[in-house]
Amino acid sequence: MQKFRNSIFYVGVIGGFTALMYWIVRFGAKLEQGRNIIIPETERTQWREFIDSLVHNLEHPLAILLAQIVTIILVARFFGWICKKIGQPTVIGEIIAGIVLGPSLIGMYFPEFSATLFPTASLGNLQFLSQIGLILFMFIIGMELDLKVLKSKAHDAVVISHASIIIPFSLGMGLSYFIYQSFAPTGVQFISFALFLGIALSITAFPVLARIVQERGCTKRH
């Protein structure tokens, strides 16, 4: 009986107060006598009025933003859970979720749904909120970082970071030699195309690295 106490309390409260509201409405309707109540005539039913009002409220920028946040969190959690199950960082699943919700998948195959959930006019608010979240996330990473560990590993960090940049940068420039004639826009110099490709392949998003480091618990590892 003890474990069902919350359920009984929940049912009792919901049922009791629902009955109370019904009683208030039922007997309150009798107070309308003699007050010349005017009921507007319309072809739409009360249910239709409710649906129209709900749709109108959902078109509010705040409602769209909340719907976007909920959708992004659920999809990111789902793909993050899948990646975690196969031994990959959760952030990989979050990146995949972004690709799925973006123009590459949902926007291409379900354009009406994408336009409804992510209208162009609302992307500014979503981007602003995402930047605030990114700032707070990087602040938390900085608070968790052990500077003593960073100081003791400074030499290794410099070597690894520079090598992880120069190697893919060089390979990207080498790749540009073979694909310049096929993919470079007309009027673009080879050096510009090579530098662009090298930078694109060598620069890694720092928040993604920070997310992996935090998940692996490397911020406090000696």
N, C-alpha and C. Protein backbone atom coordinates (compact mmCIF):
# COMPACT_ATOMS: atom_id res chain seq x y z
N MET A 1 0.83 -1.20 0.00
CA MET A 1 0.00 0.00 0.00
C MET A 1 0.87 1.25 0.00
N GLN A 2 2.05 1.14 0.62
CA GLN A 2 2.93 2.28 0.73
C GLN A 2 3.39 2.78 -0.64
N LYS A 3 3.72 1.84 -1.56
CA LYS A 3 4.24 2.24 -2.86
C LYS A 3 3.16 2.82 -3.77
N PHE A 4 1.89 2.58 -3.44
CA PHE A 4 0.80 3.14 -4.24
C PHE A 4 0.27 4.44 -3.64
N ARG A 5 0.92 4.94 -2.61
CA ARG A 5 0.41 6.14 -1.94
C ARG A 5 0.42 7.35 -2.87
N ASN A 6 1.52 7.54 -3.60
CA ASN A 6 1.60 8.69 -4.52
C ASN A 6 0.57 8.59 -5.63
N SER A 7 0.36 7.37 -6.15
CA SER A 7 -0.63 7.19 -7.21
C SER A 7 -2.03 7.50 -6.71
N ILE A 8 -2.34 7.01 -5.51
CA ILE A 8 -3.66 7.27 -4.94
C ILE A 8 -3.84 8.76 -4.69
N PHE A 9 -2.81 9.41 -4.17
CA PHE A 9 -2.89 10.84 -3.92
C PHE A 9 -3.09 11.60 -5.22
N TYR A 10 -2.35 11.20 -6.28
CA TYR A 10 -2.47 11.88 -7.58
C TYR A 10 -3.88 11.74 -8.13
N VAL A 11 -4.39 10.53 -8.15
CA VAL A 11 -5.74 10.30 -8.68
C VAL A 11 -6.77 11.05 -7.84
N GLY A 12 -6.59 11.04 -6.53
CA GLY A 12 -7.54 11.72 -5.66
C GLY A 12 -7.56 13.22 -5.89
N VAL A 13 -6.35 13.83 -6.00
CA VAL A 13 -6.28 15.28 -6.21
C VAL A 13 -6.86 15.67 -7.57
N ILE A 14 -6.44 14.96 -8.63
CA ILE A 14 -6.92 15.29 -9.97
C ILE A 14 -8.43 15.07 -10.06
N GLY A 15 -8.89 13.92 -9.58
CA GLY A 15 -10.33 13.63 -9.65
C GLY A 15 -11.15 14.57 -8.80
N GLY A 16 -10.68 14.83 -7.60
CA GLY A 16 -11.43 15.69 -6.68
C GLY A 16 -11.57 17.11 -7.20
N PHE A 17 -10.46 17.70 -7.66
CA PHE A 17 -10.52 19.08 -8.14
C PHE A 17 -11.21 19.18 -9.50
N THR A 18 -11.16 18.11 -10.30
CA THR A 18 -11.92 18.12 -11.55
C THR A 18 -13.42 18.13 -11.25
N ALA A 19 -13.82 17.33 -10.28
CA ALA A 19 -15.23 17.33 -9.88
C ALA A 19 -15.64 18.69 -9.30
N LEU A 20 -14.71 19.32 -8.55
CA LEU A 20 -15.00 20.64 -7.99
C LEU A 20 -15.20 21.68 -9.09
N MET A 21 -14.34 21.66 -10.12
CA MET A 21 -14.49 22.61 -11.22
C MET A 21 -15.79 22.37 -11.98
N TYR A 22 -16.14 21.11 -12.17
CA TYR A 22 -17.40 20.79 -12.85
C TYR A 22 -18.59 21.31 -12.04
N TRP A 23 -18.53 21.16 -10.73
CA TRP A 23 -19.61 21.64 -9.86
C TRP A 23 -19.72 23.15 -9.93
N ILE A 24 -18.57 23.85 -9.94
CA ILE A 24 -18.59 25.31 -10.01
C ILE A 24 -19.21 25.78 -11.32
N VAL A 25 -18.81 25.15 -12.44
CA VAL A 25 -19.35 25.55 -13.74
C VAL A 25 -20.83 25.22 -13.83
N ARG A 26 -21.20 24.07 -13.31
CA ARG A 26 -22.61 23.63 -13.38
C ARG A 26 -23.52 24.58 -12.61
N PHE A 27 -23.16 24.92 -11.42
CA PHE A 27 -24.02 25.79 -10.61
C PHE A 27 -23.80 27.26 -10.94
N GLY A 28 -22.60 27.59 -11.46
CA GLY A 28 -22.37 28.98 -11.86
C GLY A 28 -23.18 29.38 -13.05
N ALA A 29 -23.51 28.40 -13.91
CA ALA A 29 -24.34 28.71 -15.08
C ALA A 29 -25.72 29.22 -14.68
N LYS A 30 -26.19 28.83 -13.50
CA LYS A 30 -27.51 29.29 -13.04
C LYS A 30 -27.50 30.76 -12.69
N LEU A 31 -26.33 31.31 -12.44
CA LEU A 31 -26.23 32.73 -12.10
C LEU A 31 -26.44 33.63 -13.32
N GLU A 32 -26.46 33.04 -14.52
CA GLU A 32 -26.63 33.83 -15.74
C GLU A 32 -28.07 34.27 -15.96
N GLN A 33 -29.00 33.71 -15.21
CA GLN A 33 -30.40 34.04 -15.43
C GLN A 33 -30.66 35.52 -15.16
N GLY A 34 -31.31 36.16 -16.13
CA GLY A 34 -31.67 37.57 -16.00
C GLY A 34 -30.54 38.54 -16.32
N ARG A 35 -29.44 38.08 -16.85
CA ARG A 35 -28.32 38.97 -17.14
C ARG A 35 -28.15 39.24 -18.63
N ASN A 36 -29.11 38.78 -19.45
CA ASN A 36 -29.09 39.03 -20.90
C ASN A 36 -27.75 38.62 -21.54
N ILE A 37 -27.38 37.41 -21.33
CA ILE A 37 -26.12 36.89 -21.88
C ILE A 37 -26.26 36.78 -23.39
N ILE A 38 -25.29 37.33 -24.13
CA ILE A 38 -25.28 37.26 -25.59
C ILE A 38 -24.22 36.25 -26.02
N ILE A 39 -24.66 35.23 -26.69
CA ILE A 39 -23.75 34.21 -27.18
C ILE A 39 -23.50 34.47 -28.66
N PRO A 40 -22.26 34.77 -29.05
CA PRO A 40 -21.98 35.07 -30.47
C PRO A 40 -22.25 33.86 -31.34
N GLU A 41 -22.90 34.11 -32.46
CA GLU A 41 -23.19 33.04 -33.40
C GLU A 41 -22.06 32.90 -34.41
N THR A 42 -21.57 31.72 -34.59
CA THR A 42 -20.50 31.45 -35.53
C THR A 42 -20.68 30.05 -36.09
N GLU A 43 -20.18 29.86 -37.28
CA GLU A 43 -20.29 28.55 -37.91
C GLU A 43 -19.27 27.56 -37.35
N ARG A 44 -18.25 28.08 -36.72
CA ARG A 44 -17.21 27.21 -36.17
C ARG A 44 -17.59 26.71 -34.79
N THR A 45 -17.27 25.48 -34.52
CA THR A 45 -17.56 24.89 -33.22
C THR A 45 -16.54 25.36 -32.20
N GLN A 46 -16.83 25.10 -30.94
CA GLN A 46 -15.90 25.48 -29.88
C GLN A 46 -14.57 24.73 -30.03
N TRP A 47 -14.65 23.50 -30.48
CA TRP A 47 -13.41 22.74 -30.69
C TRP A 47 -12.57 23.37 -31.79
N ARG A 48 -13.25 23.84 -32.86
CA ARG A 48 -12.51 24.51 -33.93
C ARG A 48 -11.91 25.82 -33.46
N GLU A 49 -12.64 26.54 -32.63
CA GLU A 49 -12.11 27.77 -32.07
C GLU A 49 -10.87 27.50 -31.22
N PHE A 50 -10.93 26.41 -30.47
CA PHE A 50 -9.78 26.04 -29.64
C PHE A 50 -8.57 25.69 -30.51
N ILE A 51 -8.78 24.94 -31.58
CA ILE A 51 -7.68 24.55 -32.47
C ILE A 51 -7.07 25.77 -33.14
N ASP A 52 -7.92 26.69 -33.61
CA ASP A 52 -7.42 27.90 -34.26
C ASP A 52 -6.61 28.76 -33.27
N SER A 53 -7.09 28.86 -32.06
CA SER A 53 -6.37 29.62 -31.05
C SER A 53 -5.02 28.96 -30.72
N LEU A 54 -5.04 27.62 -30.66
CA LEU A 54 -3.79 26.90 -30.37
C LEU A 54 -2.77 27.09 -31.49
N VAL A 55 -3.24 27.00 -32.74
CA VAL A 55 -2.33 27.19 -33.88
C VAL A 55 -1.78 28.61 -33.90
N HIS A 56 -2.63 29.57 -33.58
CA HIS A 56 -2.17 30.97 -33.54
C HIS A 56 -1.10 31.17 -32.47
N ASN A 57 -1.28 30.55 -31.31
CA ASN A 57 -0.29 30.68 -30.24
C ASN A 57 1.02 29.98 -30.59
N LEU A 58 0.92 28.87 -31.33
CA LEU A 58 2.12 28.14 -31.71
C LEU A 58 2.95 28.92 -32.73
N GLU A 59 2.34 29.87 -33.41
CA GLU A 59 3.08 30.69 -34.37
C GLU A 59 3.85 31.82 -33.70
N HIS A 60 3.71 31.97 -32.40
CA HIS A 60 4.44 33.01 -31.68
C HIS A 60 5.93 32.66 -31.68
N PRO A 61 6.82 33.66 -31.82
CA PRO A 61 8.28 33.37 -31.87
C PRO A 61 8.78 32.58 -30.67
N LEU A 62 8.26 32.87 -29.47
CA LEU A 62 8.71 32.14 -28.29
C LEU A 62 8.28 30.68 -28.36
N ALA A 63 7.05 30.41 -28.83
CA ALA A 63 6.58 29.03 -28.95
C ALA A 63 7.41 28.28 -29.98
N ILE A 64 7.75 28.93 -31.09
CA ILE A 64 8.59 28.28 -32.10
C ILE A 64 9.96 27.98 -31.53
N LEU A 65 10.53 28.92 -30.78
CA LEU A 65 11.84 28.71 -30.19
C LEU A 65 11.84 27.55 -29.21
N LEU A 66 10.79 27.46 -28.38
CA LEU A 66 10.69 26.34 -27.43
C LEU A 66 10.55 25.01 -28.17
N ALA A 67 9.76 25.00 -29.25
CA ALA A 67 9.60 23.78 -30.04
C ALA A 67 10.93 23.38 -30.68
N GLN A 68 11.68 24.34 -31.15
CA GLN A 68 13.00 24.06 -31.72
C GLN A 68 13.94 23.48 -30.69
N ILE A 69 13.95 24.06 -29.49
CA ILE A 69 14.83 23.57 -28.43
C ILE A 69 14.49 22.14 -28.04
N VAL A 70 13.20 21.88 -27.86
CA VAL A 70 12.77 20.53 -27.47
C VAL A 70 13.13 19.52 -28.56
N THR A 71 12.89 19.87 -29.81
CA THR A 71 13.20 18.96 -30.92
C THR A 71 14.69 18.69 -31.01
N ILE A 72 15.50 19.73 -30.91
CA ILE A 72 16.96 19.57 -31.01
C ILE A 72 17.48 18.71 -29.88
N ILE A 73 16.98 18.94 -28.66
CA ILE A 73 17.45 18.16 -27.51
C ILE A 73 17.09 16.69 -27.66
N LEU A 74 15.84 16.41 -28.06
CA LEU A 74 15.40 15.02 -28.20
C LEU A 74 16.19 14.29 -29.28
N VAL A 75 16.35 14.92 -30.45
CA VAL A 75 17.07 14.28 -31.55
C VAL A 75 18.54 14.12 -31.20
N ALA A 76 19.14 15.13 -30.57
CA ALA A 76 20.54 15.04 -30.19
C ALA A 76 20.76 13.95 -29.15
N ARG A 77 19.84 13.84 -28.20
CA ARG A 77 19.94 12.78 -27.19
C ARG A 77 19.83 11.40 -27.82
N PHE A 78 18.94 11.28 -28.79
CA PHE A 78 18.73 9.98 -29.43
C PHE A 78 19.98 9.53 -30.17
N PHE A 79 20.52 10.39 -31.02
CA PHE A 79 21.71 10.01 -31.77
C PHE A 79 22.93 9.92 -30.87
N GLY A 80 22.98 10.75 -29.83
CA GLY A 80 24.08 10.62 -28.87
C GLY A 80 24.05 9.30 -28.14
N TRP A 81 22.84 8.83 -27.82
CA TRP A 81 22.70 7.53 -27.15
C TRP A 81 23.16 6.40 -28.07
N ILE A 82 22.82 6.50 -29.36
CA ILE A 82 23.26 5.48 -30.31
C ILE A 82 24.78 5.45 -30.42
N CYS A 83 25.39 6.61 -30.54
CA CYS A 83 26.86 6.66 -30.65
C CYS A 83 27.52 6.14 -29.37
N LYS A 84 26.93 6.43 -28.24
CA LYS A 84 27.49 5.95 -26.98
C LYS A 84 27.43 4.43 -26.89
N LYS A 85 26.36 3.86 -27.45
CA LYS A 85 26.21 2.41 -27.43
C LYS A 85 27.27 1.71 -28.29
N ILE A 86 27.74 2.37 -29.34
CA ILE A 86 28.74 1.77 -30.22
C ILE A 86 30.15 2.24 -29.88
N GLY A 87 30.29 2.89 -28.73
CA GLY A 87 31.62 3.27 -28.26
C GLY A 87 32.18 4.55 -28.83
N GLN A 88 31.33 5.40 -29.39
CA GLN A 88 31.78 6.67 -29.96
C GLN A 88 31.39 7.82 -29.03
N PRO A 89 32.10 8.95 -29.13
CA PRO A 89 31.74 10.10 -28.30
C PRO A 89 30.31 10.57 -28.58
N THR A 90 29.65 11.03 -27.55
CA THR A 90 28.28 11.49 -27.69
C THR A 90 28.17 12.67 -28.65
N VAL A 91 29.21 13.48 -28.70
CA VAL A 91 29.18 14.67 -29.56
C VAL A 91 29.08 14.29 -31.03
N ILE A 92 29.55 13.12 -31.40
CA ILE A 92 29.41 12.66 -32.80
C ILE A 92 27.93 12.50 -33.14
N GLY A 93 27.19 11.91 -32.22
CA GLY A 93 25.74 11.78 -32.44
C GLY A 93 25.06 13.13 -32.49
N GLU A 94 25.53 14.09 -31.69
CA GLU A 94 24.94 15.42 -31.71
C GLU A 94 25.21 16.11 -33.04
N ILE A 95 26.38 15.88 -33.61
CA ILE A 95 26.68 16.44 -34.93
C ILE A 95 25.78 15.81 -35.99
N ILE A 96 25.59 14.50 -35.89
CA ILE A 96 24.70 13.81 -36.83
C ILE A 96 23.27 14.34 -36.69
N ALA A 97 22.85 14.61 -35.47
CA ALA A 97 21.51 15.17 -35.25
C ALA A 97 21.37 16.52 -35.95
N GLY A 98 22.42 17.33 -35.89
CA GLY A 98 22.38 18.62 -36.58
C GLY A 98 22.27 18.45 -38.08
N ILE A 99 22.96 17.45 -38.62
CA ILE A 99 22.87 17.19 -40.06
C ILE A 99 21.46 16.71 -40.43
N VAL A 100 20.88 15.87 -39.58
CA VAL A 100 19.54 15.34 -39.86
C VAL A 100 18.50 16.45 -39.84
N LEU A 101 18.59 17.35 -38.86
CA LEU A 101 17.61 18.41 -38.74
C LEU A 101 17.85 19.56 -39.71
N GLY A 102 19.01 19.59 -40.32
CA GLY A 102 19.35 20.69 -41.21
C GLY A 102 18.84 20.49 -42.63
N PRO A 103 19.31 21.33 -43.54
CA PRO A 103 18.84 21.27 -44.93
C PRO A 103 19.33 20.04 -45.69
N SER A 104 20.32 19.32 -45.13
CA SER A 104 20.87 18.16 -45.84
C SER A 104 19.93 16.97 -45.86
N LEU A 105 19.02 16.86 -44.87
CA LEU A 105 18.12 15.70 -44.81
C LEU A 105 16.66 16.14 -44.67
N ILE A 106 16.31 16.66 -43.50
CA ILE A 106 14.92 17.09 -43.29
C ILE A 106 14.55 18.20 -44.26
N GLY A 107 15.44 19.17 -44.42
CA GLY A 107 15.15 20.27 -45.32
C GLY A 107 15.01 19.85 -46.77
N MET A 108 15.69 18.76 -47.15
CA MET A 108 15.65 18.31 -48.53
C MET A 108 14.43 17.43 -48.81
N TYR A 109 14.14 16.49 -47.90
CA TYR A 109 13.09 15.52 -48.14
C TYR A 109 11.75 15.92 -47.50
N PHE A 110 11.79 16.78 -46.48
CA PHE A 110 10.56 17.25 -45.83
C PHE A 110 10.62 18.77 -45.71
N PRO A 111 10.60 19.48 -46.83
CA PRO A 111 10.77 20.94 -46.77
C PRO A 111 9.66 21.66 -46.03
N GLU A 112 8.42 21.15 -46.11
CA GLU A 112 7.32 21.82 -45.42
C GLU A 112 7.47 21.73 -43.91
N PHE A 113 7.87 20.55 -43.43
CA PHE A 113 8.09 20.39 -41.99
C PHE A 113 9.25 21.26 -41.53
N SER A 114 10.32 21.30 -42.31
CA SER A 114 11.48 22.11 -41.96
C SER A 114 11.13 23.59 -41.94
N ALA A 115 10.33 24.04 -42.91
CA ALA A 115 9.94 25.45 -42.96
C ALA A 115 9.01 25.82 -41.80
N THR A 116 8.23 24.85 -41.33
CA THR A 116 7.33 25.11 -40.20
C THR A 116 8.08 25.16 -38.88
N LEU A 117 8.99 24.21 -38.67
CA LEU A 117 9.72 24.13 -37.40
C LEU A 117 10.90 25.09 -37.36
N PHE A 118 11.55 25.29 -38.49
CA PHE A 118 12.71 26.17 -38.54
C PHE A 118 12.52 27.25 -39.60
N PRO A 119 11.56 28.15 -39.42
CA PRO A 119 11.37 29.23 -40.40
C PRO A 119 12.59 30.15 -40.40
N THR A 120 12.83 30.76 -41.54
CA THR A 120 14.01 31.61 -41.68
C THR A 120 14.02 32.75 -40.67
N ALA A 121 12.85 33.31 -40.40
CA ALA A 121 12.78 34.44 -39.48
C ALA A 121 13.16 34.08 -38.05
N SER A 122 13.09 32.79 -37.68
CA SER A 122 13.38 32.38 -36.31
C SER A 122 14.83 31.94 -36.11
N LEU A 123 15.58 31.80 -37.18
CA LEU A 123 16.94 31.29 -37.05
C LEU A 123 17.86 32.24 -36.31
N GLY A 124 17.57 33.54 -36.38
CA GLY A 124 18.38 34.50 -35.64
C GLY A 124 18.29 34.29 -34.13
N ASN A 125 17.07 34.06 -33.62
CA ASN A 125 16.90 33.80 -32.19
C ASN A 125 17.57 32.51 -31.78
N LEU A 126 17.46 31.49 -32.62
CA LEU A 126 18.08 30.20 -32.30
C LEU A 126 19.59 30.32 -32.30
N GLN A 127 20.15 31.05 -33.24
CA GLN A 127 21.60 31.23 -33.29
C GLN A 127 22.10 32.01 -32.08
N PHE A 128 21.36 33.04 -31.70
CA PHE A 128 21.74 33.82 -30.52
C PHE A 128 21.75 32.96 -29.27
N LEU A 129 20.71 32.14 -29.10
CA LEU A 129 20.63 31.27 -27.93
C LEU A 129 21.74 30.23 -27.95
N SER A 130 22.07 29.71 -29.14
CA SER A 130 23.13 28.71 -29.24
C SER A 130 24.48 29.31 -28.87
N GLN A 131 24.72 30.56 -29.23
CA GLN A 131 25.97 31.21 -28.87
C GLN A 131 26.07 31.42 -27.36
N ILE A 132 24.95 31.77 -26.73
CA ILE A 132 24.94 31.90 -25.27
C ILE A 132 25.25 30.56 -24.62
N GLY A 133 24.63 29.48 -25.14
CA GLY A 133 24.91 28.16 -24.60
C GLY A 133 26.36 27.75 -24.80
N LEU A 134 26.94 28.11 -25.94
CA LEU A 134 28.33 27.80 -26.21
C LEU A 134 29.26 28.53 -25.24
N ILE A 135 28.96 29.79 -24.98
CA ILE A 135 29.77 30.55 -24.04
C ILE A 135 29.72 29.94 -22.64
N LEU A 136 28.52 29.58 -22.20
CA LEU A 136 28.38 28.97 -20.88
C LEU A 136 29.10 27.62 -20.81
N PHE A 137 29.01 26.84 -21.90
CA PHE A 137 29.67 25.54 -21.93
C PHE A 137 31.18 25.69 -21.84
N MET A 138 31.75 26.62 -22.62
CA MET A 138 33.19 26.84 -22.57
C MET A 138 33.62 27.38 -21.20
N PHE A 139 32.77 28.16 -20.56
CA PHE A 139 33.07 28.63 -19.21
C PHE A 139 33.16 27.47 -18.23
N ILE A 140 32.22 26.52 -18.35
CA ILE A 140 32.24 25.35 -17.46
C ILE A 140 33.49 24.51 -17.71
N ILE A 141 33.86 24.34 -18.98
CA ILE A 141 35.09 23.59 -19.30
C ILE A 141 36.29 24.25 -18.68
N GLY A 142 36.35 25.58 -18.78
CA GLY A 142 37.48 26.31 -18.18
C GLY A 142 37.53 26.17 -16.68
N MET A 143 36.37 26.12 -16.03
CA MET A 143 36.33 25.97 -14.57
C MET A 143 36.80 24.58 -14.15
N GLU A 144 36.55 23.56 -14.98
CA GLU A 144 36.94 22.20 -14.64
C GLU A 144 38.39 21.88 -15.00
N LEU A 145 39.01 22.72 -15.81
CA LEU A 145 40.36 22.44 -16.29
C LEU A 145 41.37 22.60 -15.16
N ASP A 146 42.23 21.60 -15.00
CA ASP A 146 43.29 21.63 -14.00
C ASP A 146 44.52 22.25 -14.64
N LEU A 147 44.87 23.48 -14.24
CA LEU A 147 45.98 24.18 -14.85
C LEU A 147 47.32 23.52 -14.55
N LYS A 148 47.42 22.81 -13.43
CA LYS A 148 48.66 22.11 -13.11
C LYS A 148 48.94 21.00 -14.11
N VAL A 149 47.87 20.29 -14.49
CA VAL A 149 48.02 19.24 -15.50
C VAL A 149 48.40 19.85 -16.83
N LEU A 150 47.77 20.97 -17.18
CA LEU A 150 48.07 21.63 -18.45
C LEU A 150 49.51 22.13 -18.48
N LYS A 151 50.00 22.64 -17.37
CA LYS A 151 51.37 23.14 -17.31
C LYS A 151 52.38 22.02 -17.46
N SER A 152 52.10 20.87 -16.86
CA SER A 152 53.03 19.74 -16.95
C SER A 152 53.03 19.09 -18.32
N LYS A 153 51.96 19.28 -19.07
CA LYS A 153 51.85 18.68 -20.41
C LYS A 153 51.94 19.73 -21.51
N ALA A 154 52.46 20.91 -21.19
CA ALA A 154 52.47 22.00 -22.17
C ALA A 154 53.30 21.64 -23.39
N HIS A 155 54.47 21.01 -23.20
CA HIS A 155 55.34 20.67 -24.34
C HIS A 155 54.65 19.68 -25.26
N ASP A 156 54.05 18.64 -24.69
CA ASP A 156 53.35 17.65 -25.51
C ASP A 156 52.15 18.27 -26.22
N ALA A 157 51.45 19.18 -25.53
CA ALA A 157 50.29 19.81 -26.14
C ALA A 157 50.68 20.66 -27.35
N VAL A 158 51.80 21.38 -27.24
CA VAL A 158 52.26 22.20 -28.36
C VAL A 158 52.62 21.34 -29.56
N VAL A 159 53.37 20.26 -29.30
CA VAL A 159 53.79 19.38 -30.39
C VAL A 159 52.59 18.73 -31.08
N ILE A 160 51.67 18.19 -30.27
CA ILE A 160 50.51 17.51 -30.84
C ILE A 160 49.60 18.47 -31.59
N SER A 161 49.37 19.65 -31.02
CA SER A 161 48.47 20.61 -31.66
C SER A 161 49.03 21.11 -32.98
N HIS A 162 50.34 21.40 -33.01
CA HIS A 162 50.94 21.88 -34.26
C HIS A 162 50.98 20.77 -35.31
N ALA A 163 51.27 19.54 -34.88
CA ALA A 163 51.30 18.44 -35.84
C ALA A 163 49.90 18.15 -36.39
N SER A 164 48.88 18.27 -35.53
CA SER A 164 47.51 18.00 -35.98
C SER A 164 46.99 19.08 -36.92
N ILE A 165 47.69 20.22 -36.99
CA ILE A 165 47.30 21.28 -37.92
C ILE A 165 48.09 21.19 -39.22
N ILE A 166 49.43 21.07 -39.11
CA ILE A 166 50.27 21.14 -40.30
C ILE A 166 50.10 19.93 -41.20
N ILE A 167 49.87 18.74 -40.62
CA ILE A 167 49.74 17.54 -41.45
C ILE A 167 48.48 17.58 -42.31
N PRO A 168 47.28 17.76 -41.73
CA PRO A 168 46.09 17.83 -42.60
C PRO A 168 46.09 19.06 -43.50
N PHE A 169 46.75 20.15 -43.07
CA PHE A 169 46.84 21.33 -43.91
C PHE A 169 47.63 21.03 -45.18
N SER A 170 48.75 20.34 -45.01
CA SER A 170 49.57 19.97 -46.17
C SER A 170 48.85 18.98 -47.07
N LEU A 171 48.17 18.01 -46.45
CA LEU A 171 47.43 17.04 -47.25
C LEU A 171 46.28 17.71 -48.01
N GLY A 172 45.64 18.69 -47.39
CA GLY A 172 44.58 19.41 -48.07
C GLY A 172 45.09 20.20 -49.27
N MET A 173 46.24 20.82 -49.12
CA MET A 173 46.84 21.54 -50.25
C MET A 173 47.24 20.58 -51.36
N GLY A 174 47.74 19.39 -50.94
CA GLY A 174 48.07 18.38 -51.95
C GLY A 174 46.84 17.88 -52.68
N LEU A 175 45.74 17.72 -51.96
CA LEU A 175 44.50 17.29 -52.60
C LEU A 175 43.97 18.34 -53.56
N SER A 176 44.18 19.60 -53.24
CA SER A 176 43.69 20.67 -54.12
C SER A 176 44.35 20.63 -55.49
N TYR A 177 45.56 20.10 -55.56
CA TYR A 177 46.25 20.00 -56.85
C TYR A 177 45.50 19.08 -57.81
N PHE A 178 44.86 18.05 -57.27
CA PHE A 178 44.17 17.07 -58.11
C PHE A 178 42.72 17.44 -58.40
N ILE A 179 42.12 18.27 -57.59
CA ILE A 179 40.69 18.58 -57.77
C ILE A 179 40.46 20.03 -58.15
N TYR A 180 41.52 20.79 -58.36
CA TYR A 180 41.36 22.21 -58.67
C TYR A 180 40.55 22.42 -59.94
N GLN A 181 40.89 21.73 -61.00
CA GLN A 181 40.22 21.93 -62.28
C GLN A 181 38.76 21.45 -62.26
N SER A 182 38.45 20.53 -61.38
CA SER A 182 37.09 19.98 -61.35
C SER A 182 36.16 20.75 -60.41
N PHE A 183 36.68 21.30 -59.31
CA PHE A 183 35.82 21.88 -58.29
C PHE A 183 36.04 23.36 -58.04
N ALA A 184 37.15 23.91 -58.48
CA ALA A 184 37.40 25.33 -58.23
C ALA A 184 36.49 26.20 -59.09
N PRO A 185 35.83 27.21 -58.53
CA PRO A 185 35.00 28.10 -59.33
C PRO A 185 35.84 28.88 -60.35
N THR A 186 35.20 29.31 -61.38
CA THR A 186 35.89 30.08 -62.42
C THR A 186 36.40 31.41 -61.85
N GLY A 187 37.65 31.72 -62.14
CA GLY A 187 38.24 32.98 -61.69
C GLY A 187 38.95 32.89 -60.35
N VAL A 188 38.94 31.73 -59.70
CA VAL A 188 39.60 31.56 -58.40
C VAL A 188 41.02 31.04 -58.63
N GLN A 189 42.01 31.73 -58.04
CA GLN A 189 43.40 31.31 -58.18
C GLN A 189 43.63 29.99 -57.45
N PHE A 190 44.68 29.28 -57.91
CA PHE A 190 44.98 28.00 -57.28
C PHE A 190 45.40 28.17 -55.83
N ILE A 191 46.18 29.22 -55.53
CA ILE A 191 46.65 29.42 -54.16
C ILE A 191 45.48 29.66 -53.21
N SER A 192 44.47 30.39 -53.68
CA SER A 192 43.30 30.64 -52.84
C SER A 192 42.52 29.35 -52.59
N PHE A 193 42.36 28.56 -53.64
CA PHE A 193 41.65 27.30 -53.51
C PHE A 193 42.41 26.33 -52.61
N ALA A 194 43.75 26.28 -52.77
CA ALA A 194 44.57 25.37 -51.96
C ALA A 194 44.55 25.78 -50.49
N LEU A 195 44.66 27.07 -50.21
CA LEU A 195 44.63 27.54 -48.82
C LEU A 195 43.27 27.27 -48.18
N PHE A 196 42.20 27.49 -48.95
CA PHE A 196 40.86 27.24 -48.41
C PHE A 196 40.68 25.77 -48.05
N LEU A 197 41.11 24.87 -48.95
CA LEU A 197 40.95 23.44 -48.69
C LEU A 197 41.83 22.99 -47.53
N GLY A 198 43.05 23.53 -47.46
CA GLY A 198 43.93 23.17 -46.36
C GLY A 198 43.39 23.61 -45.02
N ILE A 199 42.86 24.83 -44.96
CA ILE A 199 42.29 25.34 -43.71
C ILE A 199 41.05 24.54 -43.33
N ALA A 200 40.22 24.22 -44.32
CA ALA A 200 38.99 23.48 -44.04
C ALA A 200 39.28 22.11 -43.44
N LEU A 201 40.39 21.48 -43.84
CA LEU A 201 40.71 20.15 -43.35
C LEU A 201 41.53 20.16 -42.06
N SER A 202 42.16 21.28 -41.74
CA SER A 202 43.07 21.30 -40.58
C SER A 202 42.46 21.92 -39.34
N ILE A 203 41.44 22.76 -39.51
CA ILE A 203 40.86 23.44 -38.36
C ILE A 203 39.74 22.59 -37.77
N THR A 204 39.84 22.36 -36.48
CA THR A 204 38.83 21.57 -35.76
C THR A 204 38.05 22.49 -34.83
N ALA A 205 36.76 22.28 -34.76
CA ALA A 205 35.92 23.09 -33.86
C ALA A 205 36.33 22.83 -32.42
N PHE A 206 36.81 23.87 -31.74
CA PHE A 206 37.27 23.70 -30.36
C PHE A 206 36.17 23.24 -29.41
N PRO A 207 34.93 23.74 -29.55
CA PRO A 207 33.87 23.22 -28.66
C PRO A 207 33.65 21.72 -28.80
N VAL A 208 33.84 21.18 -30.03
CA VAL A 208 33.69 19.74 -30.21
C VAL A 208 34.79 18.99 -29.45
N LEU A 209 36.01 19.48 -29.56
CA LEU A 209 37.11 18.87 -28.81
C LEU A 209 36.86 18.98 -27.30
N ALA A 210 36.39 20.14 -26.87
CA ALA A 210 36.12 20.32 -25.45
C ALA A 210 35.04 19.37 -24.96
N ARG A 211 34.04 19.13 -25.80
CA ARG A 211 32.97 18.20 -25.45
C ARG A 211 33.52 16.78 -25.29
N ILE A 212 34.40 16.37 -26.19
CA ILE A 212 35.00 15.03 -26.11
C ILE A 212 35.90 14.93 -24.88
N VAL A 213 36.70 15.97 -24.63
CA VAL A 213 37.60 15.98 -23.47
C VAL A 213 36.80 15.90 -22.17
N GLN A 214 35.69 16.64 -22.11
CA GLN A 214 34.86 16.60 -20.90
C GLN A 214 34.23 15.23 -20.71
N GLU A 215 33.73 14.66 -21.80
CA GLU A 215 33.07 13.36 -21.70
C GLU A 215 34.04 12.26 -21.29
N ARG A 216 35.29 12.34 -21.78
CA ARG A 216 36.30 11.35 -21.43
C ARG A 216 36.94 11.61 -20.08
N GLY A 217 36.59 12.74 -19.45
CA GLY A 217 37.15 13.06 -18.14
C GLY A 217 38.62 13.43 -18.18
N CYS A 218 39.05 14.01 -19.30
CA CYS A 218 40.48 14.34 -19.45
C CYS A 218 40.84 15.70 -18.84
N THR A 219 39.86 16.48 -18.43
CA THR A 219 40.16 17.81 -17.89
C THR A 219 40.84 17.74 -16.52
N LYS A 220 40.68 16.60 -15.83
CA LYS A 220 41.27 16.46 -14.49
C LYS A 220 42.22 15.27 -14.43
N ARG A 221 42.60 14.75 -15.59
CA ARG A 221 43.43 13.55 -15.61
C ARG A 221 44.90 13.92 -15.48
N HIS A 222 45.61 13.22 -14.58
CA HIS A 222 47.03 13.46 -14.35
C HIS A 222 47.87 12.50 -15.19
